[in-house]
Amino acid sequence: MIDILLHIMGWLAMGCILLAFYLLCNEKVTAKSKSYQVLNIVGSSCFVVTLSITKAWPAVALNAIYAAIAANALIKIYRSNDKTGQE
C-alpha cells in the first residue's frame, strides 16, 4: 500500500512541476504568480518525500532547494501584494 502511495505522490510531483512549466512557457502564468509557485512547491515537496524513501540524496537536495526558492518567491509575492493592497 505504501508503494502505491509513493508512486502516486511521485506522479503528482511530476505533474505539478510539468504543469507549472507548461503554463509558464505558454504565458498562462508568470514567475511572479501564486499558482506557479504553489505548483512548484507542491511538486518539489512531494519529490522530497518520495526520493527520501529511496535515499536518492542528490535529488532530495535539489528538490528541497527548489521548494525553498519557490517558497521564498511566494512570500515575496504576498508581501508585494500586501504593500500594493492587492489580493
C-alpha atoms as a PDB file:
ATOM      1  CA  MET A   1       0.000   0.000   0.000  1.00  0.00           C
ATOM      2  CA  ILE A   2       2.836   2.402   0.860  1.00  0.00           C
ATOM      3  CA  ASP A   3       4.477   1.706  -2.505  1.00  0.00           C
ATOM      4  CA  ILE A   4       1.283   2.667  -4.311  1.00  0.00           C
ATOM      5  CA  LEU A   5       1.027   5.915  -2.343  1.00  0.00           C
ATOM      6  CA  LEU A   6       4.656   6.751  -3.097  1.00  0.00           C
ATOM      7  CA  HIS A   7       4.109   6.126  -6.808  1.00  0.00           C
ATOM      8  CA  ILE A   8       1.011   8.328  -6.762  1.00  0.00           C
ATOM      9  CA  MET A   9       2.939  11.047  -4.945  1.00  0.00           C
ATOM     10  CA  GLY A  10       5.754  10.792  -7.486  1.00  0.00           C
ATOM     11  CA  TRP A  11       3.326  11.156 -10.390  1.00  0.00           C
ATOM     12  CA  LEU A  12       1.636  14.078  -8.631  1.00  0.00           C
ATOM     13  CA  ALA A  13       5.030  15.737  -8.151  1.00  0.00           C
ATOM     14  CA  MET A  14       5.930  15.297 -11.793  1.00  0.00           C
ATOM     15  CA  GLY A  15       2.527  16.557 -12.903  1.00  0.00           C
ATOM     16  CA  CYS A  16       2.716  19.702 -10.782  1.00  0.00           C
ATOM     17  CA  ILE A  17       6.180  20.674 -11.958  1.00  0.00           C
ATOM     18  CA  LEU A  18       5.424  19.945 -15.617  1.00  0.00           C
ATOM     19  CA  LEU A  19       2.120  21.812 -15.423  1.00  0.00           C
ATOM     20  CA  ALA A  20       3.870  24.827 -13.896  1.00  0.00           C
ATOM     21  CA  PHE A  21       6.486  24.751 -16.659  1.00  0.00           C
ATOM     22  CA  TYR A  22       3.841  24.334 -19.379  1.00  0.00           C
ATOM     23  CA  LEU A  23       1.793  27.240 -18.031  1.00  0.00           C
ATOM     24  CA  LEU A  24       4.871  29.448 -17.826  1.00  0.00           C
ATOM     25  CA  CYS A  25       6.064  28.586 -21.340  1.00  0.00           C
ATOM     26  CA  ASN A  26       2.610  29.231 -22.781  1.00  0.00           C
ATOM     27  CA  GLU A  27       2.305  32.554 -20.932  1.00  0.00           C
ATOM     28  CA  LYS A  28      -0.700  31.444 -18.877  1.00  0.00           C
ATOM     29  CA  VAL A  29       1.165  32.387 -15.692  1.00  0.00           C
ATOM     30  CA  THR A  30       4.256  34.391 -14.834  1.00  0.00           C
ATOM     31  CA  ALA A  31       7.080  33.526 -12.496  1.00  0.00           C
ATOM     32  CA  LYS A  32       5.518  36.023 -10.094  1.00  0.00           C
ATOM     33  CA  SER A  33       2.140  34.281  -9.978  1.00  0.00           C
ATOM     34  CA  LYS A  34       0.993  32.488  -6.848  1.00  0.00           C
ATOM     35  CA  SER A  35      -0.278  29.454  -8.754  1.00  0.00           C
ATOM     36  CA  TYR A  36       3.068  28.932 -10.483  1.00  0.00           C
ATOM     37  CA  GLN A  37       4.978  28.994  -7.216  1.00  0.00           C
ATOM     38  CA  VAL A  38       2.445  26.785  -5.402  1.00  0.00           C
ATOM     39  CA  LEU A  39       2.672  24.156  -8.144  1.00  0.00           C
ATOM     40  CA  ASN A  40       6.472  24.199  -7.813  1.00  0.00           C
ATOM     41  CA  ILE A  41       6.335  23.942  -4.010  1.00  0.00           C
ATOM     42  CA  VAL A  42       3.854  21.059  -4.050  1.00  0.00           C
ATOM     43  CA  GLY A  43       5.704  19.202  -6.787  1.00  0.00           C
ATOM     44  CA  SER A  44       9.171  19.543  -5.353  1.00  0.00           C
ATOM     45  CA  SER A  45       7.976  18.784  -1.812  1.00  0.00           C
ATOM     46  CA  CYS A  46       6.316  15.579  -2.991  1.00  0.00           C
ATOM     47  CA  PHE A  47       9.559  14.630  -4.718  1.00  0.00           C
ATOM     48  CA  VAL A  48      11.476  15.260  -1.485  1.00  0.00           C
ATOM     49  CA  VAL A  49       9.241  12.757   0.312  1.00  0.00           C
ATOM     50  CA  THR A  50       9.359  10.063  -2.361  1.00  0.00           C
ATOM     51  CA  LEU A  51      13.065  10.440  -3.062  1.00  0.00           C
ATOM     52  CA  SER A  52      13.919  10.363   0.643  1.00  0.00           C
ATOM     53  CA  ILE A  53      12.380   6.907   0.864  1.00  0.00           C
ATOM     54  CA  THR A  54      14.629   5.676  -1.925  1.00  0.00           C
ATOM     55  CA  LYS A  55      17.609   7.566  -0.453  1.00  0.00           C
ATOM     56  CA  ALA A  56      18.320   9.475  -3.655  1.00  0.00           C
ATOM     57  CA  TRP A  57      20.024  12.240  -1.673  1.00  0.00           C
ATOM     58  CA  PRO A  58      21.269  14.449  -4.527  1.00  0.00           C
ATOM     59  CA  ALA A  59      17.726  14.590  -5.953  1.00  0.00           C
ATOM     60  CA  VAL A  60      16.329  15.213  -2.454  1.00  0.00           C
ATOM     61  CA  ALA A  61      18.712  18.145  -2.036  1.00  0.00           C
ATOM     62  CA  LEU A  62      17.839  19.539  -5.470  1.00  0.00           C
ATOM     63  CA  ASN A  63      14.104  19.411  -4.788  1.00  0.00           C
ATOM     64  CA  ALA A  64      14.404  20.749  -1.240  1.00  0.00           C
ATOM     65  CA  ILE A  65      16.322  23.767  -2.557  1.00  0.00           C
ATOM     66  CA  TYR A  66      13.822  24.145  -5.414  1.00  0.00           C
ATOM     67  CA  ALA A  67      10.946  24.165  -2.892  1.00  0.00           C
ATOM     68  CA  ALA A  68      12.766  26.691  -0.703  1.00  0.00           C
ATOM     69  CA  ILE A  69      13.351  29.023  -3.653  1.00  0.00           C
ATOM     70  CA  ALA A  70       9.697  28.768  -4.695  1.00  0.00           C
ATOM     71  CA  ALA A  71       8.543  29.351  -1.101  1.00  0.00           C
ATOM     72  CA  ASN A  72      10.759  32.434  -0.874  1.00  0.00           C
ATOM     73  CA  ALA A  73       9.312  33.727  -4.148  1.00  0.00           C
ATOM     74  CA  LEU A  74       5.765  33.104  -2.885  1.00  0.00           C
ATOM     75  CA  ILE A  75       6.491  35.031   0.318  1.00  0.00           C
ATOM     76  CA  LYS A  76       7.796  37.945  -1.750  1.00  0.00           C
ATOM     77  CA  ILE A  77       4.663  37.848  -3.906  1.00  0.00           C
ATOM     78  CA  TYR A  78       2.417  38.007  -0.837  1.00  0.00           C
ATOM     79  CA  ARG A  79       4.458  40.818   0.721  1.00  0.00           C
ATOM     80  CA  SER A  80       4.386  42.775  -2.518  1.00  0.00           C
ATOM     81  CA  ASN A  81       0.618  42.339  -2.769  1.00  0.00           C
ATOM     82  CA  ASP A  82       0.174  43.492   0.846  1.00  0.00           C
ATOM     83  CA  LYS A  83       2.068  46.698   0.082  1.00  0.00           C
ATOM     84  CA  THR A  84       0.003  47.446  -3.015  1.00  0.00           C
ATOM     85  CA  GLY A  85      -3.328  46.425  -1.473  1.00  0.00           C
ATOM     86  CA  GLN A  86      -3.952  43.607  -3.926  1.00  0.00           C
ATOM     87  CA  GLU A  87      -5.361  40.182  -3.099  1.00  0.00           C
END
